[in-house]
Structure formats: C-alpha cells, structure tokens
Amino acid sequence: MSQERGRRKLMLRLPDIRHLLAGVTSEALGEMFEAYDLAVDALDRFRKQSPMAEELISEYEQLCREIEQEVVVYCKSR
C-alpha cells in the first residue's frame, strides 16, 4: 500500500516521467516508492508540529529531493 502511495506522490511531483512511473515495476523502484511515501509523511508531520522542527524539515526536504533524483535516474536509465 505504501508503495502505491509513494508512486502516486512521485507521479504528481515528477510529471515529466509520470508515464514511466505508471508502467515500471521492480523491487528497487518499489522500495524507493515506499521510502518516498514515508519521508513525505514524516515531512508533513514535522511541518505541522508546534514549534516547527526546522532542522528535521530541512533534512527531510533534502531526503525527498534525493529520492526524487534517484527515481528519475532509475526510470530514465531503463
């Protein structure tokens, strides 16, 4: 379930490769989808906290960007 949520989130975030994300399935990509889903959920929680955890927000924003880049490279290399 988490993998599909991650796939959908990435499809919204990366419209240029949406068609690739819709059709590609692999264990490695599934793990990236799941990691992305968990990271985005955590980032949303950190943003809603009061007081905001700026350091964690920055760390998880970077993590999300890195996962996005990994997914783009993976999809374009296939």
PDB file of N, CA and C in Angstrom:
ATOM      1  N   MET A   1       0.820  -1.195   0.000  1.00  0.00           N
ATOM      2  CA  MET A   1       0.000   0.000   0.000  1.00  0.00           C
ATOM      3  C   MET A   1       0.869   1.265   0.000  1.00  0.00           C
ATOM      4  N   SER A   2       1.872   1.254   0.858  1.00  0.00           N
ATOM      5  CA  SER A   2       2.775   2.403   0.948  1.00  0.00           C
ATOM      6  C   SER A   2       3.511   2.630  -0.375  1.00  0.00           C
ATOM      7  N   GLN A   3       3.804   1.527  -1.064  1.00  0.00           N
ATOM      8  CA  GLN A   3       4.483   1.664  -2.352  1.00  0.00           C
ATOM      9  C   GLN A   3       3.599   2.401  -3.353  1.00  0.00           C
ATOM     10  N   GLU A   4       2.335   2.058  -3.399  1.00  0.00           N
ATOM     11  CA  GLU A   4       1.441   2.718  -4.349  1.00  0.00           C
ATOM     12  C   GLU A   4       1.209   4.184  -3.988  1.00  0.00           C
ATOM     13  N   ARG A   5       1.129   4.483  -2.701  1.00  0.00           N
ATOM     14  CA  ARG A   5       1.003   5.891  -2.288  1.00  0.00           C
ATOM     15  C   ARG A   5       2.240   6.663  -2.714  1.00  0.00           C
ATOM     16  N   GLY A   6       3.409   6.068  -2.516  1.00  0.00           N
ATOM     17  CA  GLY A   6       4.654   6.706  -2.937  1.00  0.00           C
ATOM     18  C   GLY A   6       4.709   6.916  -4.434  1.00  0.00           C
ATOM     19  N   ARG A   7       4.246   5.908  -5.194  1.00  0.00           N
ATOM     20  CA  ARG A   7       4.211   6.036  -6.660  1.00  0.00           C
ATOM     21  C   ARG A   7       3.322   7.209  -7.061  1.00  0.00           C
ATOM     22  N   ARG A   8       2.138   7.297  -6.465  1.00  0.00           N
ATOM     23  CA  ARG A   8       1.209   8.382  -6.812  1.00  0.00           C
ATOM     24  C   ARG A   8       1.780   9.746  -6.446  1.00  0.00           C
ATOM     25  N   LYS A   9       2.425   9.835  -5.295  1.00  0.00           N
ATOM     26  CA  LYS A   9       3.027  11.110  -4.879  1.00  0.00           C
ATOM     27  C   LYS A   9       4.129  11.517  -5.852  1.00  0.00           C
ATOM     28  N   LEU A  10       4.934  10.551  -6.266  1.00  0.00           N
ATOM     29  CA  LEU A  10       6.005  10.857  -7.211  1.00  0.00           C
ATOM     30  C   LEU A  10       5.447  11.209  -8.586  1.00  0.00           C
ATOM     31  N   MET A  11       4.357  10.578  -8.980  1.00  0.00           N
ATOM     32  CA  MET A  11       3.740  10.909 -10.265  1.00  0.00           C
ATOM     33  C   MET A  11       3.255  12.361 -10.267  1.00  0.00           C
ATOM     34  N   LEU A  12       2.755  12.827  -9.131  1.00  0.00           N
ATOM     35  CA  LEU A  12       2.348  14.235  -9.031  1.00  0.00           C
ATOM     36  C   LEU A  12       3.555  15.156  -9.003  1.00  0.00           C
ATOM     37  N   ARG A  13       4.596  14.739  -8.309  1.00  0.00           N
ATOM     38  CA  ARG A  13       5.786  15.577  -8.130  1.00  0.00           C
ATOM     39  C   ARG A  13       6.661  15.617  -9.387  1.00  0.00           C
ATOM     40  N   LEU A  14       6.628  14.546 -10.168  1.00  0.00           N
ATOM     41  CA  LEU A  14       7.502  14.429 -11.343  1.00  0.00           C
ATOM     42  C   LEU A  14       6.665  14.179 -12.609  1.00  0.00           C
ATOM     43  N   PRO A  15       5.914  15.173 -13.051  1.00  0.00           N
ATOM     44  CA  PRO A  15       5.014  14.951 -14.195  1.00  0.00           C
ATOM     45  C   PRO A  15       5.734  14.584 -15.490  1.00  0.00           C
ATOM     46  N   ASP A  16       6.983  14.977 -15.646  1.00  0.00           N
ATOM     47  CA  ASP A  16       7.713  14.677 -16.880  1.00  0.00           C
ATOM     48  C   ASP A  16       7.958  13.181 -17.066  1.00  0.00           C
ATOM     49  N   ILE A  17       8.010  12.434 -15.981  1.00  0.00           N
ATOM     50  CA  ILE A  17       8.233  10.988 -16.099  1.00  0.00           C
ATOM     51  C   ILE A  17       7.041  10.187 -15.574  1.00  0.00           C
ATOM     52  N   ARG A  18       5.911  10.849 -15.467  1.00  0.00           N
ATOM     53  CA  ARG A  18       4.701  10.185 -14.957  1.00  0.00           C
ATOM     54  C   ARG A  18       4.407   8.901 -15.735  1.00  0.00           C
ATOM     55  N   HIS A  19       4.529   8.968 -17.046  1.00  0.00           N
ATOM     56  CA  HIS A  19       4.244   7.792 -17.876  1.00  0.00           C
ATOM     57  C   HIS A  19       5.202   6.642 -17.561  1.00  0.00           C
ATOM     58  N   LEU A  20       6.439   6.951 -17.238  1.00  0.00           N
ATOM     59  CA  LEU A  20       7.403   5.914 -16.878  1.00  0.00           C
ATOM     60  C   LEU A  20       7.067   5.314 -15.513  1.00  0.00           C
ATOM     61  N   LEU A  21       6.707   6.171 -14.581  1.00  0.00           N
ATOM     62  CA  LEU A  21       6.374   5.698 -13.238  1.00  0.00           C
ATOM     63  C   LEU A  21       5.146   4.797 -13.251  1.00  0.00           C
ATOM     64  N   ALA A  22       4.211   5.078 -14.135  1.00  0.00           N
ATOM     65  CA  ALA A  22       2.977   4.292 -14.195  1.00  0.00           C
ATOM     66  C   ALA A  22       3.241   2.870 -14.682  1.00  0.00           C
ATOM     67  N   GLY A  23       4.238   2.719 -15.542  1.00  0.00           N
ATOM     68  CA  GLY A  23       4.445   1.420 -16.160  1.00  0.00           C
ATOM     69  C   GLY A  23       5.579   0.587 -15.609  1.00  0.00           C
ATOM     70  N   VAL A  24       6.483   1.184 -14.877  1.00  0.00           N
ATOM     71  CA  VAL A  24       7.670   0.479 -14.409  1.00  0.00           C
ATOM     72  C   VAL A  24       7.395  -0.182 -13.067  1.00  0.00           C
ATOM     73  N   THR A  25       7.776  -1.444 -12.965  1.00  0.00           N
ATOM     74  CA  THR A  25       7.695  -2.129 -11.684  1.00  0.00           C
ATOM     75  C   THR A  25       8.986  -2.908 -11.465  1.00  0.00           C
ATOM     76  N   SER A  26       9.530  -2.768 -10.300  1.00  0.00           N
ATOM     77  CA  SER A  26      10.700  -3.537  -9.891  1.00  0.00           C
ATOM     78  C   SER A  26      10.794  -3.448  -8.381  1.00  0.00           C
ATOM     79  N   GLU A  27      11.529  -4.358  -7.813  1.00  0.00           N
ATOM     80  CA  GLU A  27      11.688  -4.354  -6.364  1.00  0.00           C
ATOM     81  C   GLU A  27      12.413  -3.083  -5.902  1.00  0.00           C
ATOM     82  N   ALA A  28      13.447  -2.697  -6.640  1.00  0.00           N
ATOM     83  CA  ALA A  28      14.212  -1.497  -6.275  1.00  0.00           C
ATOM     84  C   ALA A  28      13.338  -0.254  -6.330  1.00  0.00           C
ATOM     85  N   LEU A  29      12.553  -0.131  -7.391  1.00  0.00           N
ATOM     86  CA  LEU A  29      11.688   1.027  -7.528  1.00  0.00           C
ATOM     87  C   LEU A  29      10.589   1.009  -6.464  1.00  0.00           C
ATOM     88  N   GLY A  30      10.069  -0.156  -6.161  1.00  0.00           N
ATOM     89  CA  GLY A  30       9.067  -0.285  -5.109  1.00  0.00           C
ATOM     90  C   GLY A  30       9.600   0.191  -3.771  1.00  0.00           C
ATOM     91  N   GLU A  31      10.854  -0.122  -3.492  1.00  0.00           N
ATOM     92  CA  GLU A  31      11.475   0.334  -2.246  1.00  0.00           C
ATOM     93  C   GLU A  31      11.629   1.852  -2.240  1.00  0.00           C
ATOM     94  N   MET A  32      11.951   2.429  -3.393  1.00  0.00           N
ATOM     95  CA  MET A  32      12.057   3.887  -3.482  1.00  0.00           C
ATOM     96  C   MET A  32      10.694   4.544  -3.292  1.00  0.00           C
ATOM     97  N   PHE A  33       9.656   3.953  -3.873  1.00  0.00           N
ATOM     98  CA  PHE A  33       8.296   4.481  -3.687  1.00  0.00           C
ATOM     99  C   PHE A  33       7.919   4.475  -2.206  1.00  0.00           C
ATOM    100  N   GLU A  34       8.197   3.366  -1.544  1.00  0.00           N
ATOM    101  CA  GLU A  34       7.855   3.253  -0.124  1.00  0.00           C
ATOM    102  C   GLU A  34       8.645   4.250   0.713  1.00  0.00           C
ATOM    103  N   ALA A  35       9.945   4.379   0.439  1.00  0.00           N
ATOM    104  CA  ALA A  35      10.779   5.332   1.174  1.00  0.00           C
ATOM    105  C   ALA A  35      10.269   6.755   0.968  1.00  0.00           C
ATOM    106  N   TYR A  36       9.862   7.063  -0.256  1.00  0.00           N
ATOM    107  CA  TYR A  36       9.360   8.400  -0.548  1.00  0.00           C
ATOM    108  C   TYR A  36       8.067   8.665   0.209  1.00  0.00           C
ATOM    109  N   ASP A  37       7.172   7.701   0.214  1.00  0.00           N
ATOM    110  CA  ASP A  37       5.912   7.855   0.938  1.00  0.00           C
ATOM    111  C   ASP A  37       6.168   8.126   2.416  1.00  0.00           C
ATOM    112  N   LEU A  38       7.051   7.358   3.013  1.00  0.00           N
ATOM    113  CA  LEU A  38       7.356   7.540   4.434  1.00  0.00           C
ATOM    114  C   LEU A  38       8.017   8.891   4.704  1.00  0.00           C
ATOM    115  N   ALA A  39       8.931   9.295   3.822  1.00  0.00           N
ATOM    116  CA  ALA A  39       9.632  10.567   4.005  1.00  0.00           C
ATOM    117  C   ALA A  39       8.675  11.755   3.864  1.00  0.00           C
ATOM    118  N   VAL A  40       7.780  11.707   2.884  1.00  0.00           N
ATOM    119  CA  VAL A  40       6.815  12.797   2.686  1.00  0.00           C
ATOM    120  C   VAL A  40       5.854  12.878   3.866  1.00  0.00           C
ATOM    121  N   ASP A  41       5.407  11.726   4.346  1.00  0.00           N
ATOM    122  CA  ASP A  41       4.513  11.716   5.517  1.00  0.00           C
ATOM    123  C   ASP A  41       5.200  12.320   6.738  1.00  0.00           C
ATOM    124  N   ALA A  42       6.459  11.939   6.965  1.00  0.00           N
ATOM    125  CA  ALA A  42       7.208  12.487   8.095  1.00  0.00           C
ATOM    126  C   ALA A  42       7.393  13.992   7.936  1.00  0.00           C
ATOM    127  N   LEU A  43       7.720  14.429   6.733  1.00  0.00           N
ATOM    128  CA  LEU A  43       7.903  15.854   6.465  1.00  0.00           C
ATOM    129  C   LEU A  43       6.616  16.625   6.763  1.00  0.00           C
ATOM    130  N   ASP A  44       5.499  16.088   6.342  1.00  0.00           N
ATOM    131  CA  ASP A  44       4.210  16.744   6.631  1.00  0.00           C
ATOM    132  C   ASP A  44       3.971  16.847   8.139  1.00  0.00           C
ATOM    133  N   ARG A  45       4.280  15.790   8.867  1.00  0.00           N
ATOM    134  CA  ARG A  45       4.115  15.827  10.333  1.00  0.00           C
ATOM    135  C   ARG A  45       5.024  16.877  10.963  1.00  0.00           C
ATOM    136  N   PHE A  46       6.267  16.951  10.513  1.00  0.00           N
ATOM    137  CA  PHE A  46       7.207  17.928  11.072  1.00  0.00           C
ATOM    138  C   PHE A  46       6.751  19.355  10.789  1.00  0.00           C
ATOM    139  N   ARG A  47       6.172  19.565   9.627  1.00  0.00           N
ATOM    140  CA  ARG A  47       5.698  20.911   9.272  1.00  0.00           C
ATOM    141  C   ARG A  47       4.494  21.336  10.105  1.00  0.00           C
ATOM    142  N   LYS A  48       3.725  20.377  10.585  1.00  0.00           N
ATOM    143  CA  LYS A  48       2.531  20.679  11.374  1.00  0.00           C
ATOM    144  C   LYS A  48       2.813  20.823  12.867  1.00  0.00           C
ATOM    145  N   GLN A  49       3.989  20.405  13.295  1.00  0.00           N
ATOM    146  CA  GLN A  49       4.337  20.477  14.713  1.00  0.00           C
ATOM    147  C   GLN A  49       4.487  21.920  15.156  1.00  0.00           C
ATOM    148  N   SER A  50       4.201  22.125  16.421  1.00  0.00           N
ATOM    149  CA  SER A  50       4.429  23.438  17.006  1.00  0.00           C
ATOM    150  C   SER A  50       5.204  23.246  18.301  1.00  0.00           C
ATOM    151  N   PRO A  51       6.372  23.785  18.414  1.00  0.00           N
ATOM    152  CA  PRO A  51       7.101  24.579  17.413  1.00  0.00           C
ATOM    153  C   PRO A  51       7.637  23.683  16.293  1.00  0.00           C
ATOM    154  N   MET A  52       7.824  24.283  15.148  1.00  0.00           N
ATOM    155  CA  MET A  52       8.303  23.539  13.987  1.00  0.00           C
ATOM    156  C   MET A  52       9.748  23.098  14.204  1.00  0.00           C
ATOM    157  N   ALA A  53      10.034  21.896  13.757  1.00  0.00           N
ATOM    158  CA  ALA A  53      11.382  21.335  13.857  1.00  0.00           C
ATOM    159  C   ALA A  53      12.131  21.664  12.562  1.00  0.00           C
ATOM    160  N   GLU A  54      12.651  22.878  12.500  1.00  0.00           N
ATOM    161  CA  GLU A  54      13.279  23.372  11.263  1.00  0.00           C
ATOM    162  C   GLU A  54      14.392  22.463  10.748  1.00  0.00           C
ATOM    163  N   GLU A  55      15.200  21.942  11.658  1.00  0.00           N
ATOM    164  CA  GLU A  55      16.315  21.089  11.243  1.00  0.00           C
ATOM    165  C   GLU A  55      15.796  19.796  10.603  1.00  0.00           C
ATOM    166  N   LEU A  56      14.787  19.195  11.196  1.00  0.00           N
ATOM    167  CA  LEU A  56      14.207  17.978  10.631  1.00  0.00           C
ATOM    168  C   LEU A  56      13.498  18.262   9.313  1.00  0.00           C
ATOM    169  N   ILE A  57      12.839  19.387   9.231  1.00  0.00           N
ATOM    170  CA  ILE A  57      12.168  19.763   7.984  1.00  0.00           C
ATOM    171  C   ILE A  57      13.186  19.876   6.861  1.00  0.00           C
ATOM    172  N   SER A  58      14.269  20.555   7.124  1.00  0.00           N
ATOM    173  CA  SER A  58      15.324  20.719   6.119  1.00  0.00           C
ATOM    174  C   SER A  58      15.911  19.370   5.717  1.00  0.00           C
ATOM    175  N   GLU A  59      16.160  18.522   6.701  1.00  0.00           N
ATOM    176  CA  GLU A  59      16.732  17.200   6.438  1.00  0.00           C
ATOM    177  C   GLU A  59      15.792  16.357   5.573  1.00  0.00           C
ATOM    178  N   TYR A  60      14.517  16.368   5.884  1.00  0.00           N
ATOM    179  CA  TYR A  60      13.568  15.552   5.137  1.00  0.00           C
ATOM    180  C   TYR A  60      13.240  16.149   3.771  1.00  0.00           C
ATOM    181  N   GLU A  61      13.301  17.458   3.627  1.00  0.00           N
ATOM    182  CA  GLU A  61      13.156  18.060   2.300  1.00  0.00           C
ATOM    183  C   GLU A  61      14.291  17.582   1.396  1.00  0.00           C
ATOM    184  N   GLN A  62      15.500  17.569   1.942  1.00  0.00           N
ATOM    185  CA  GLN A  62      16.659  17.093   1.189  1.00  0.00           C
ATOM    186  C   GLN A  62      16.512  15.605   0.851  1.00  0.00           C
ATOM    187  N   LEU A  63      16.057  14.818   1.806  1.00  0.00           N
ATOM    188  CA  LEU A  63      15.850  13.392   1.574  1.00  0.00           C
ATOM    189  C   LEU A  63      14.843  13.163   0.447  1.00  0.00           C
ATOM    190  N   CYS A  64      13.752  13.898   0.453  1.00  0.00           N
ATOM    191  CA  CYS A  64      12.743  13.776  -0.607  1.00  0.00           C
ATOM    192  C   CYS A  64      13.332  14.137  -1.962  1.00  0.00           C
ATOM    193  N   ARG A  65      14.111  15.199  -2.021  1.00  0.00           N
ATOM    194  CA  ARG A  65      14.743  15.595  -3.291  1.00  0.00           C
ATOM    195  C   ARG A  65      15.692  14.496  -3.784  1.00  0.00           C
ATOM    196  N   GLU A  66      16.439  13.900  -2.867  1.00  0.00           N
ATOM    197  CA  GLU A  66      17.377  12.846  -3.249  1.00  0.00           C
ATOM    198  C   GLU A  66      16.642  11.620  -3.789  1.00  0.00           C
ATOM    199  N   ILE A  67      15.556  11.249  -3.147  1.00  0.00           N
ATOM    200  CA  ILE A  67      14.776  10.107  -3.632  1.00  0.00           C
ATOM    201  C   ILE A  67      14.197  10.429  -5.002  1.00  0.00           C
ATOM    202  N   GLU A  68      13.680  11.646  -5.183  1.00  0.00           N
ATOM    203  CA  GLU A  68      13.147  12.058  -6.482  1.00  0.00           C
ATOM    204  C   GLU A  68      14.218  11.926  -7.559  1.00  0.00           C
ATOM    205  N   GLN A  69      15.435  12.389  -7.262  1.00  0.00           N
ATOM    206  CA  GLN A  69      16.524  12.307  -8.235  1.00  0.00           C
ATOM    207  C   GLN A  69      16.875  10.854  -8.551  1.00  0.00           C
ATOM    208  N   GLU A  70      16.907  10.004  -7.529  1.00  0.00           N
ATOM    209  CA  GLU A  70      17.194   8.587  -7.742  1.00  0.00           C
ATOM    210  C   GLU A  70      16.147   7.950  -8.651  1.00  0.00           C
ATOM    211  N   VAL A  71      14.893   8.282  -8.423  1.00  0.00           N
ATOM    212  CA  VAL A  71      13.810   7.722  -9.226  1.00  0.00           C
ATOM    213  C   VAL A  71      13.934   8.181 -10.674  1.00  0.00           C
ATOM    214  N   VAL A  72      14.243   9.445 -10.886  1.00  0.00           N
ATOM    215  CA  VAL A  72      14.406   9.964 -12.256  1.00  0.00           C
ATOM    216  C   VAL A  72      15.544   9.227 -12.954  1.00  0.00           C
ATOM    217  N   VAL A  73      16.674   9.109 -12.310  1.00  0.00           N
ATOM    218  CA  VAL A  73      17.819   8.429 -12.907  1.00  0.00           C
ATOM    219  C   VAL A  73      17.463   6.976 -13.201  1.00  0.00           C
ATOM    220  N   TYR A  74      16.831   6.313 -12.261  1.00  0.00           N
ATOM    221  CA  TYR A  74      16.454   4.905 -12.439  1.00  0.00           C
ATOM    222  C   TYR A  74      15.508   4.749 -13.639  1.00  0.00           C
ATOM    223  N   CYS A  75      14.485   5.572 -13.697  1.00  0.00           N
ATOM    224  CA  CYS A  75      13.495   5.450 -14.766  1.00  0.00           C
ATOM    225  C   CYS A  75      14.074   5.788 -16.132  1.00  0.00           C
ATOM    226  N   LYS A  76      14.919   6.776 -16.206  1.00  0.00           N
ATOM    227  CA  LYS A  76      15.476   7.192 -17.489  1.00  0.00           C
ATOM    228  C   LYS A  76      16.564   6.230 -17.978  1.00  0.00           C
ATOM    229  N   SER A  77      17.129   5.435 -17.079  1.00  0.00           N
ATOM    230  CA  SER A  77      18.169   4.501 -17.479  1.00  0.00           C
ATOM    231  C   SER A  77      17.593   3.170 -17.938  1.00  0.00           C
ATOM    232  N   ARG A  78      16.296   2.999 -17.826  1.00  0.00           N
ATOM    233  CA  ARG A  78      15.648   1.729 -18.200  1.00  0.00           C
ATOM    234  C   ARG A  78      15.127   1.781 -19.613  1.00  0.00           C
TER     235      ARG A  78
END
